[in-house]
Amino acid sequence: TVIFASFGEVSLSYGMKRVGPVSAAHWTNLISAILN
């Protein structure tokens, strides 16, 4: 539980820093973020 959560959060942070800002108003950006 600890390992999955920690590495999952770090991976999300790393990926989102590469994707850039996203907004729910622009759902296509959210989809492209998920595909990172």
Full PDB file with SEQRES, HELIX, SHEET, SSBOND, CRYST1, ORIGX, SCALE, CONECT and MASTER records, all heavy atoms in Angstrom:
SEQRES   1 A   36  THR VAL ILE PHE ALA SER PHE GLY GLU VAL SER LEU SER          
SEQRES   2 A   36  TYR GLY MET LYS ARG VAL GLY PRO VAL SER ALA ALA HIS          
SEQRES   3 A   36  TRP THR ASN LEU ILE SER ALA ILE LEU ASN                      
HELIX    1 AA1 VAL A    2  VAL A   19  1                                  18    
HELIX    2 AA2 TRP A   27  ILE A   34  1                                   8    
CRYST1    1.000    1.000    1.000  90.00  90.00  90.00 P 1           1          
ORIGX1      1.000000  0.000000  0.000000        0.00000                         
ORIGX2      0.000000  1.000000  0.000000        0.00000                         
ORIGX3      0.000000  0.000000  1.000000        0.00000                         
SCALE1      1.000000  0.000000  0.000000        0.00000                         
SCALE2      0.000000  1.000000  0.000000        0.00000                         
SCALE3      0.000000  0.000000  1.000000        0.00000                         
ATOM      1  N   THR A   1       0.831  -1.200   0.000  1.00  0.00           N  
ATOM      2  CA  THR A   1       0.000   0.000   0.000  1.00  0.00           C  
ATOM      3  C   THR A   1       0.868   1.254   0.000  1.00  0.00           C  
ATOM      4  O   THR A   1       0.654   2.182  -0.778  1.00  0.00           O  
ATOM      5  CB  THR A   1      -0.943   0.007   1.222  1.00  0.00           C  
ATOM      6  OG1 THR A   1      -1.729  -1.186   1.204  1.00  0.00           O  
ATOM      7  CG2 THR A   1      -1.855   1.207   1.230  1.00  0.00           C  
ATOM      8  N   VAL A   2       1.869   1.264   0.853  1.00  0.00           N  
ATOM      9  CA  VAL A   2       2.779   2.411   0.954  1.00  0.00           C  
ATOM     10  C   VAL A   2       3.570   2.590  -0.342  1.00  0.00           C  
ATOM     11  O   VAL A   2       3.692   3.705  -0.864  1.00  0.00           O  
ATOM     12  CB  VAL A   2       3.736   2.240   2.161  1.00  0.00           C  
ATOM     13  CG1 VAL A   2       4.867   3.243   2.120  1.00  0.00           C  
ATOM     14  CG2 VAL A   2       2.963   2.336   3.468  1.00  0.00           C  
ATOM     15  N   ILE A   3       4.085   1.506  -0.885  1.00  0.00           N  
ATOM     16  CA  ILE A   3       4.914   1.587  -2.098  1.00  0.00           C  
ATOM     17  C   ILE A   3       4.085   2.012  -3.301  1.00  0.00           C  
ATOM     18  O   ILE A   3       4.484   2.900  -4.065  1.00  0.00           O  
ATOM     19  CB  ILE A   3       5.641   0.249  -2.342  1.00  0.00           C  
ATOM     20  CG1 ILE A   3       6.722   0.067  -1.269  1.00  0.00           C  
ATOM     21  CG2 ILE A   3       6.243   0.197  -3.746  1.00  0.00           C  
ATOM     22  CD1 ILE A   3       7.381  -1.280  -1.272  1.00  0.00           C  
ATOM     23  N   PHE A   4       2.915   1.398  -3.481  1.00  0.00           N  
ATOM     24  CA  PHE A   4       2.051   1.785  -4.603  1.00  0.00           C  
ATOM     25  C   PHE A   4       1.673   3.264  -4.529  1.00  0.00           C  
ATOM     26  O   PHE A   4       1.715   3.980  -5.530  1.00  0.00           O  
ATOM     27  CB  PHE A   4       0.777   0.934  -4.644  1.00  0.00           C  
ATOM     28  CG  PHE A   4       0.953  -0.441  -5.221  1.00  0.00           C  
ATOM     29  CD1 PHE A   4       0.408  -1.533  -4.580  1.00  0.00           C  
ATOM     30  CD2 PHE A   4       1.633  -0.642  -6.410  1.00  0.00           C  
ATOM     31  CE1 PHE A   4       0.551  -2.819  -5.111  1.00  0.00           C  
ATOM     32  CE2 PHE A   4       1.778  -1.910  -6.954  1.00  0.00           C  
ATOM     33  CZ  PHE A   4       1.241  -3.002  -6.303  1.00  0.00           C  
ATOM     34  N   ALA A   5       1.278   3.725  -3.344  1.00  0.00           N  
ATOM     35  CA  ALA A   5       0.862   5.124  -3.191  1.00  0.00           C  
ATOM     36  C   ALA A   5       2.019   6.077  -3.463  1.00  0.00           C  
ATOM     37  O   ALA A   5       1.878   7.038  -4.219  1.00  0.00           O  
ATOM     38  CB  ALA A   5       0.297   5.359  -1.788  1.00  0.00           C  
ATOM     39  N   SER A   6       3.174   5.816  -2.873  1.00  0.00           N  
ATOM     40  CA  SER A   6       4.318   6.718  -3.013  1.00  0.00           C  
ATOM     41  C   SER A   6       4.811   6.795  -4.452  1.00  0.00           C  
ATOM     42  O   SER A   6       4.985   7.886  -5.006  1.00  0.00           O  
ATOM     43  CB  SER A   6       5.455   6.275  -2.089  1.00  0.00           C  
ATOM     44  OG  SER A   6       5.038   6.329  -0.748  1.00  0.00           O  
ATOM     45  N   PHE A   7       5.038   5.642  -5.056  1.00  0.00           N  
ATOM     46  CA  PHE A   7       5.530   5.643  -6.433  1.00  0.00           C  
ATOM     47  C   PHE A   7       4.454   6.143  -7.402  1.00  0.00           C  
ATOM     48  O   PHE A   7       4.775   6.784  -8.409  1.00  0.00           O  
ATOM     49  CB  PHE A   7       6.044   4.258  -6.831  1.00  0.00           C  
ATOM     50  CG  PHE A   7       7.435   3.995  -6.349  1.00  0.00           C  
ATOM     51  CD1 PHE A   7       7.657   3.368  -5.130  1.00  0.00           C  
ATOM     52  CD2 PHE A   7       8.535   4.367  -7.098  1.00  0.00           C  
ATOM     53  CE1 PHE A   7       8.935   3.122  -4.671  1.00  0.00           C  
ATOM     54  CE2 PHE A   7       9.829   4.138  -6.652  1.00  0.00           C  
ATOM     55  CZ  PHE A   7      10.030   3.514  -5.433  1.00  0.00           C  
ATOM     56  N   GLY A   8       3.189   5.888  -7.113  1.00  0.00           N  
ATOM     57  CA  GLY A   8       2.109   6.391  -7.949  1.00  0.00           C  
ATOM     58  C   GLY A   8       2.039   7.906  -7.927  1.00  0.00           C  
ATOM     59  O   GLY A   8       1.904   8.554  -8.968  1.00  0.00           O  
ATOM     60  N   GLU A   9       2.150   8.484  -6.738  1.00  0.00           N  
ATOM     61  CA  GLU A   9       2.121   9.949  -6.620  1.00  0.00           C  
ATOM     62  C   GLU A   9       3.327  10.590  -7.298  1.00  0.00           C  
ATOM     63  O   GLU A   9       3.195  11.617  -7.973  1.00  0.00           O  
ATOM     64  CB  GLU A   9       2.065  10.363  -5.144  1.00  0.00           C  
ATOM     65  CG  GLU A   9       0.795   9.969  -4.436  1.00  0.00           C  
ATOM     66  CD  GLU A   9      -0.437  10.725  -4.917  1.00  0.00           C  
ATOM     67  OE1 GLU A   9      -0.313  11.727  -5.642  1.00  0.00           O  
ATOM     68  OE2 GLU A   9      -1.545  10.309  -4.534  1.00  0.00           O  
ATOM     69  N   VAL A  10       4.501  10.008  -7.128  1.00  0.00           N  
ATOM     70  CA  VAL A  10       5.706  10.549  -7.771  1.00  0.00           C  
ATOM     71  C   VAL A  10       5.582  10.466  -9.291  1.00  0.00           C  
ATOM     72  O   VAL A  10       5.924  11.411 -10.008  1.00  0.00           O  
ATOM     73  CB  VAL A  10       6.979   9.824  -7.270  1.00  0.00           C  
ATOM     74  CG1 VAL A  10       8.189  10.152  -8.127  1.00  0.00           C  
ATOM     75  CG2 VAL A  10       7.250  10.191  -5.814  1.00  0.00           C  
ATOM     76  N   SER A  11       5.074   9.366  -9.788  1.00  0.00           N  
ATOM     77  CA  SER A  11       4.891   9.199 -11.224  1.00  0.00           C  
ATOM     78  C   SER A  11       3.883  10.219 -11.769  1.00  0.00           C  
ATOM     79  O   SER A  11       4.112  10.832 -12.824  1.00  0.00           O  
ATOM     80  CB  SER A  11       4.424   7.775 -11.524  1.00  0.00           C  
ATOM     81  OG  SER A  11       4.266   7.592 -12.908  1.00  0.00           O  
ATOM     82  N   LEU A  12       2.779  10.417 -11.058  1.00  0.00           N  
ATOM     83  CA  LEU A  12       1.797  11.424 -11.470  1.00  0.00           C  
ATOM     84  C   LEU A  12       2.419  12.822 -11.499  1.00  0.00           C  
ATOM     85  O   LEU A  12       2.216  13.586 -12.449  1.00  0.00           O  
ATOM     86  CB  LEU A  12       0.605  11.436 -10.517  1.00  0.00           C  
ATOM     87  CG  LEU A  12      -0.496  10.423 -10.744  1.00  0.00           C  
ATOM     88  CD1 LEU A  12      -1.571  10.582  -9.679  1.00  0.00           C  
ATOM     89  CD2 LEU A  12      -1.103  10.551 -12.114  1.00  0.00           C  
ATOM     90  N   SER A  13       3.156  13.153 -10.471  1.00  0.00           N  
ATOM     91  CA  SER A  13       3.778  14.467 -10.398  1.00  0.00           C  
ATOM     92  C   SER A  13       4.761  14.666 -11.546  1.00  0.00           C  
ATOM     93  O   SER A  13       4.750  15.710 -12.215  1.00  0.00           O  
ATOM     94  CB  SER A  13       4.490  14.638  -9.055  1.00  0.00           C  
ATOM     95  OG  SER A  13       5.130  15.891  -8.987  1.00  0.00           O  
ATOM     96  N   TYR A  14       5.599  13.669 -11.781  1.00  0.00           N  
ATOM     97  CA  TYR A  14       6.587  13.743 -12.866  1.00  0.00           C  
ATOM     98  C   TYR A  14       5.885  13.925 -14.214  1.00  0.00           C  
ATOM     99  O   TYR A  14       6.262  14.786 -15.012  1.00  0.00           O  
ATOM    100  CB  TYR A  14       7.450  12.478 -12.866  1.00  0.00           C  
ATOM    101  CG  TYR A  14       8.562  12.495 -13.878  1.00  0.00           C  
ATOM    102  CD1 TYR A  14       9.746  13.174 -13.605  1.00  0.00           C  
ATOM    103  CD2 TYR A  14       8.439  11.837 -15.091  1.00  0.00           C  
ATOM    104  CE1 TYR A  14      10.783  13.203 -14.523  1.00  0.00           C  
ATOM    105  CE2 TYR A  14       9.467  11.852 -16.020  1.00  0.00           C  
ATOM    106  CZ  TYR A  14      10.631  12.531 -15.732  1.00  0.00           C  
ATOM    107  OH  TYR A  14      11.651  12.567 -16.652  1.00  0.00           O  
ATOM    108  N   GLY A  15       4.859  13.146 -14.458  1.00  0.00           N  
ATOM    109  CA  GLY A  15       4.127  13.229 -15.717  1.00  0.00           C  
ATOM    110  C   GLY A  15       3.408  14.544 -15.897  1.00  0.00           C  
ATOM    111  O   GLY A  15       3.439  15.143 -16.981  1.00  0.00           O  
ATOM    112  N   MET A  16       2.765  15.033 -14.834  1.00  0.00           N  
ATOM    113  CA  MET A  16       2.001  16.272 -14.943  1.00  0.00           C  
ATOM    114  C   MET A  16       2.911  17.488 -15.107  1.00  0.00           C  
ATOM    115  O   MET A  16       2.517  18.469 -15.733  1.00  0.00           O  
ATOM    116  CB  MET A  16       1.070  16.448 -13.748  1.00  0.00           C  
ATOM    117  CG  MET A  16      -0.102  15.487 -13.751  1.00  0.00           C  
ATOM    118  SD  MET A  16      -1.043  15.473 -15.305  1.00  0.00           S  
ATOM    119  CE  MET A  16      -1.631  17.154 -15.391  1.00  0.00           C  
ATOM    120  N   LYS A  17       4.117  17.424 -14.591  1.00  0.00           N  
ATOM    121  CA  LYS A  17       5.065  18.520 -14.812  1.00  0.00           C  
ATOM    122  C   LYS A  17       5.466  18.582 -16.291  1.00  0.00           C  
ATOM    123  O   LYS A  17       5.799  19.640 -16.803  1.00  0.00           O  
ATOM    124  CB  LYS A  17       6.278  18.361 -13.914  1.00  0.00           C  
ATOM    125  CG  LYS A  17       5.976  18.769 -12.485  1.00  0.00           C  
ATOM    126  CD  LYS A  17       7.195  18.666 -11.614  1.00  0.00           C  
ATOM    127  CE  LYS A  17       6.978  19.255 -10.260  1.00  0.00           C  
ATOM    128  NZ  LYS A  17       6.291  18.447  -9.307  1.00  0.00           N  
ATOM    129  N   ARG A  18       5.433  17.446 -16.972  1.00  0.00           N  
ATOM    130  CA  ARG A  18       5.739  17.418 -18.402  1.00  0.00           C  
ATOM    131  C   ARG A  18       4.532  17.800 -19.253  1.00  0.00           C  
ATOM    132  O   ARG A  18       4.677  18.355 -20.322  1.00  0.00           O  
ATOM    133  CB  ARG A  18       6.248  16.040 -18.810  1.00  0.00           C  
ATOM    134  CG  ARG A  18       7.756  15.958 -18.680  1.00  0.00           C  
ATOM    135  CD  ARG A  18       8.205  14.881 -17.710  1.00  0.00           C  
ATOM    136  NE  ARG A  18       9.584  15.076 -17.297  1.00  0.00           N  
ATOM    137  CZ  ARG A  18       9.934  15.774 -16.208  1.00  0.00           C  
ATOM    138  NH1 ARG A  18       9.044  16.348 -15.473  1.00  0.00           N  
ATOM    139  NH2 ARG A  18      11.198  15.890 -15.859  1.00  0.00           N  
ATOM    140  N   VAL A  19       3.335  17.500 -18.773  1.00  0.00           N  
ATOM    141  CA  VAL A  19       2.110  17.825 -19.503  1.00  0.00           C  
ATOM    142  C   VAL A  19       1.826  19.326 -19.418  1.00  0.00           C  
ATOM    143  O   VAL A  19       1.431  19.946 -20.401  1.00  0.00           O  
ATOM    144  CB  VAL A  19       0.918  17.016 -18.960  1.00  0.00           C  
ATOM    145  CG1 VAL A  19      -0.404  17.528 -19.504  1.00  0.00           C  
ATOM    146  CG2 VAL A  19       1.093  15.544 -19.271  1.00  0.00           C  
ATOM    147  N   GLY A  20       2.001  19.904 -18.251  1.00  0.00           N  
ATOM    148  CA  GLY A  20       1.680  21.314 -18.049  1.00  0.00           C  
ATOM    149  C   GLY A  20       0.297  21.473 -17.451  1.00  0.00           C  
ATOM    150  O   GLY A  20      -0.395  20.492 -17.161  1.00  0.00           O  
ATOM    151  N   PRO A  21      -0.132  22.721 -17.296  1.00  0.00           N  
ATOM    152  CA  PRO A  21      -1.427  22.994 -16.660  1.00  0.00           C  
ATOM    153  C   PRO A  21      -2.599  22.405 -17.459  1.00  0.00           C  
ATOM    154  O   PRO A  21      -2.607  22.464 -18.683  1.00  0.00           O  
ATOM    155  CB  PRO A  21      -1.511  24.520 -16.643  1.00  0.00           C  
ATOM    156  CG  PRO A  21      -0.117  25.002 -16.849  1.00  0.00           C  
ATOM    157  CD  PRO A  21       0.589  23.946 -17.625  1.00  0.00           C  
ATOM    158  N   VAL A  22      -3.548  21.828 -16.740  1.00  0.00           N  
ATOM    159  CA  VAL A  22      -4.779  21.315 -17.360  1.00  0.00           C  
ATOM    160  C   VAL A  22      -5.964  21.857 -16.585  1.00  0.00           C  
ATOM    161  O   VAL A  22      -5.842  22.240 -15.427  1.00  0.00           O  
ATOM    162  CB  VAL A  22      -4.823  19.767 -17.406  1.00  0.00           C  
ATOM    163  CG1 VAL A  22      -3.735  19.218 -18.285  1.00  0.00           C  
ATOM    164  CG2 VAL A  22      -4.742  19.176 -16.020  1.00  0.00           C  
ATOM    165  N   SER A  23      -7.106  21.860 -17.238  1.00  0.00           N  
ATOM    166  CA  SER A  23      -8.324  22.371 -16.624  1.00  0.00           C  
ATOM    167  C   SER A  23      -9.487  21.471 -17.018  1.00  0.00           C  
ATOM    168  O   SER A  23      -9.529  20.949 -18.135  1.00  0.00           O  
ATOM    169  CB  SER A  23      -8.577  23.801 -17.114  1.00  0.00           C  
ATOM    170  OG  SER A  23      -9.876  24.224 -16.785  1.00  0.00           O  
ATOM    171  N   ALA A  24     -10.413  21.320 -16.116  1.00  0.00           N  
ATOM    172  CA  ALA A  24     -11.605  20.523 -16.414  1.00  0.00           C  
ATOM    173  C   ALA A  24     -12.425  21.162 -17.530  1.00  0.00           C  
ATOM    174  O   ALA A  24     -13.167  20.483 -18.233  1.00  0.00           O  
ATOM    175  CB  ALA A  24     -12.453  20.347 -15.162  1.00  0.00           C  
ATOM    176  N   ALA A  25     -12.269  22.469 -17.712  1.00  0.00           N  
ATOM    177  CA  ALA A  25     -12.982  23.162 -18.784  1.00  0.00           C  
ATOM    178  C   ALA A  25     -12.478  22.735 -20.161  1.00  0.00           C  
ATOM    179  O   ALA A  25     -13.194  22.840 -21.146  1.00  0.00           O  
ATOM    180  CB  ALA A  25     -12.844  24.670 -18.618  1.00  0.00           C  
ATOM    181  N   HIS A  26     -11.256  22.260 -20.209  1.00  0.00           N  
ATOM    182  CA  HIS A  26     -10.660  21.786 -21.467  1.00  0.00           C  
ATOM    183  C   HIS A  26     -10.407  20.287 -21.336  1.00  0.00           C  
ATOM    184  O   HIS A  26      -9.277  19.854 -21.139  1.00  0.00           O  
ATOM    185  CB  HIS A  26      -9.367  22.543 -21.769  1.00  0.00           C  
ATOM    186  CG  HIS A  26      -9.573  24.020 -21.905  1.00  0.00           C  
ATOM    187  ND1 HIS A  26      -9.321  24.886 -20.878  1.00  0.00           N  
ATOM    188  CD2 HIS A  26     -10.047  24.762 -22.938  1.00  0.00           C  
ATOM    189  CE1 HIS A  26      -9.604  26.113 -21.269  1.00  0.00           C  
ATOM    190  NE2 HIS A  26     -10.049  26.066 -22.516  1.00  0.00           N  
ATOM    191  N   TRP A  27     -11.457  19.499 -21.446  1.00  0.00           N  
ATOM    192  CA  TRP A  27     -11.383  18.057 -21.189  1.00  0.00           C  
ATOM    193  C   TRP A  27     -10.442  17.332 -22.143  1.00  0.00           C  
ATOM    194  O   TRP A  27      -9.920  16.278 -21.811  1.00  0.00           O  
ATOM    195  CB  TRP A  27     -12.770  17.431 -21.199  1.00  0.00           C  
ATOM    196  CG  TRP A  27     -13.500  17.585 -22.500  1.00  0.00           C  
ATOM    197  CD1 TRP A  27     -14.294  18.625 -22.882  1.00  0.00           C  
ATOM    198  CD2 TRP A  27     -13.467  16.688 -23.592  1.00  0.00           C  
ATOM    199  NE1 TRP A  27     -14.767  18.437 -24.135  1.00  0.00           N  
ATOM    200  CE2 TRP A  27     -14.271  17.229 -24.615  1.00  0.00           C  
ATOM    201  CE3 TRP A  27     -12.845  15.467 -23.832  1.00  0.00           C  
ATOM    202  CZ2 TRP A  27     -14.458  16.613 -25.830  1.00  0.00           C  
ATOM    203  CZ3 TRP A  27     -13.033  14.838 -25.047  1.00  0.00           C  
ATOM    204  CH2 TRP A  27     -13.837  15.416 -26.036  1.00  0.00           C  
ATOM    205  N   THR A  28     -10.194  17.885 -23.316  1.00  0.00           N  
ATOM    206  CA  THR A  28      -9.255  17.219 -24.239  1.00  0.00           C  
ATOM    207  C   THR A  28      -7.841  17.241 -23.664  1.00  0.00           C  
ATOM    208  O   THR A  28      -7.076  16.291 -23.863  1.00  0.00           O  
ATOM    209  CB  THR A  28      -9.280  17.885 -25.631  1.00  0.00           C  
ATOM    210  OG1 THR A  28      -9.037  19.284 -25.488  1.00  0.00           O  
ATOM    211  CG2 THR A  28     -10.607  17.659 -26.319  1.00  0.00           C  
ATOM    212  N   ASN A  29      -7.510  18.307 -22.916  1.00  0.00           N  
ATOM    213  CA  ASN A  29      -6.199  18.357 -22.252  1.00  0.00           C  
ATOM    214  C   ASN A  29      -6.106  17.290 -21.163  1.00  0.00           C  
ATOM    215  O   ASN A  29      -5.035  16.714 -20.926  1.00  0.00           O  
ATOM    216  CB  ASN A  29      -5.946  19.730 -21.647  1.00  0.00           C  
ATOM    217  CG  ASN A  29      -5.773  20.804 -22.700  1.00  0.00           C  
ATOM    218  OD1 ASN A  29      -5.587  20.509 -23.878  1.00  0.00           O  
ATOM    219  ND2 ASN A  29      -5.838  22.048 -22.277  1.00  0.00           N  
ATOM    220  N   LEU A  30      -7.223  17.034 -20.489  1.00  0.00           N  
ATOM    221  CA  LEU A  30      -7.236  15.991 -19.457  1.00  0.00           C  
ATOM    222  C   LEU A  30      -6.980  14.618 -20.073  1.00  0.00           C  
ATOM    223  O   LEU A  30      -6.236  13.806 -19.517  1.00  0.00           O  
ATOM    224  CB  LEU A  30      -8.573  15.993 -18.709  1.00  0.00           C  
ATOM    225  CG  LEU A  30      -8.845  17.183 -17.807  1.00  0.00           C  
ATOM    226  CD1 LEU A  30     -10.270  17.138 -17.276  1.00  0.00           C  
ATOM    227  CD2 LEU A  30      -7.859  17.205 -16.661  1.00  0.00           C  
ATOM    228  N   ILE A  31      -7.598  14.374 -21.229  1.00  0.00           N  
ATOM    229  CA  ILE A  31      -7.393  13.083 -21.898  1.00  0.00           C  
ATOM    230  C   ILE A  31      -5.947  12.931 -22.345  1.00  0.00           C  
ATOM    231  O   ILE A  31      -5.335  11.875 -22.140  1.00  0.00           O  
ATOM    232  CB  ILE A  31      -8.372  12.923 -23.080  1.00  0.00           C  
ATOM    233  CG1 ILE A  31      -9.795  12.806 -22.545  1.00  0.00           C  
ATOM    234  CG2 ILE A  31      -8.011  11.705 -23.931  1.00  0.00           C  
ATOM    235  CD1 ILE A  31     -10.869  12.819 -23.597  1.00  0.00           C  
ATOM    236  N   SER A  32      -5.373  13.983 -22.891  1.00  0.00           N  
ATOM    237  CA  SER A  32      -3.971  13.890 -23.314  1.00  0.00           C  
ATOM    238  C   SER A  32      -3.053  13.708 -22.104  1.00  0.00           C  
ATOM    239  O   SER A  32      -2.034  13.030 -22.190  1.00  0.00           O  
ATOM    240  CB  SER A  32      -3.554  15.100 -24.145  1.00  0.00           C  
ATOM    241  OG  SER A  32      -3.559  16.275 -23.367  1.00  0.00           O  
ATOM    242  N   ALA A  33      -3.420  14.297 -20.960  1.00  0.00           N  
ATOM    243  CA  ALA A  33      -2.623  14.106 -19.743  1.00  0.00           C  
ATOM    244  C   ALA A  33      -2.662  12.650 -19.296  1.00  0.00           C  
ATOM    245  O   ALA A  33      -1.640  12.078 -18.925  1.00  0.00           O  
ATOM    246  CB  ALA A  33      -3.132  15.016 -18.631  1.00  0.00           C  
ATOM    247  N   ILE A  34      -3.852  12.052 -19.355  1.00  0.00           N  
ATOM    248  CA  ILE A  34      -3.992  10.650 -18.943  1.00  0.00           C  
ATOM    249  C   ILE A  34      -3.196   9.730 -19.861  1.00  0.00           C  
ATOM    250  O   ILE A  34      -2.685   8.696 -19.437  1.00  0.00           O  
ATOM    251  CB  ILE A  34      -5.485  10.252 -18.902  1.00  0.00           C  
ATOM    252  CG1 ILE A  34      -6.169  10.983 -17.758  1.00  0.00           C  
ATOM    253  CG2 ILE A  34      -5.665   8.750 -18.747  1.00  0.00           C  
ATOM    254  CD1 ILE A  34      -7.675  10.856 -17.753  1.00  0.00           C  
ATOM    255  N   LEU A  35      -3.054  10.113 -21.106  1.00  0.00           N  
ATOM    256  CA  LEU A  35      -2.315   9.290 -22.072  1.00  0.00           C  
ATOM    257  C   LEU A  35      -0.797   9.450 -21.960  1.00  0.00           C  
ATOM    258  O   LEU A  35      -0.056   8.686 -22.569  1.00  0.00           O  
ATOM    259  CB  LEU A  35      -2.778   9.612 -23.500  1.00  0.00           C  
ATOM    260  CG  LEU A  35      -4.241   9.269 -23.791  1.00  0.00           C  
ATOM    261  CD1 LEU A  35      -4.622   9.712 -25.196  1.00  0.00           C  
ATOM    262  CD2 LEU A  35      -4.501   7.793 -23.585  1.00  0.00           C  
ATOM    263  N   ASN A  36      -0.343  10.421 -21.168  1.00  0.00           N  
ATOM    264  CA  ASN A  36       1.088  10.552 -20.920  1.00  0.00           C  
ATOM    265  C   ASN A  36       1.551   9.286 -20.193  1.00  0.00           C  
ATOM    266  O   ASN A  36       0.922   8.859 -19.216  1.00  0.00           O  
ATOM    267  CB  ASN A  36       1.353  11.794 -20.062  1.00  0.00           C  
ATOM    268  CG  ASN A  36       2.805  11.921 -19.665  1.00  0.00           C  
ATOM    269  OD1 ASN A  36       3.282  11.207 -18.793  1.00  0.00           O  
ATOM    270  ND2 ASN A  36       3.492  12.838 -20.309  1.00  0.00           N  
TER     271      ASN A  36                                                      
MASTER        0    0    0    2    0    0    0    6  270    1    0    3          
END                                                                             
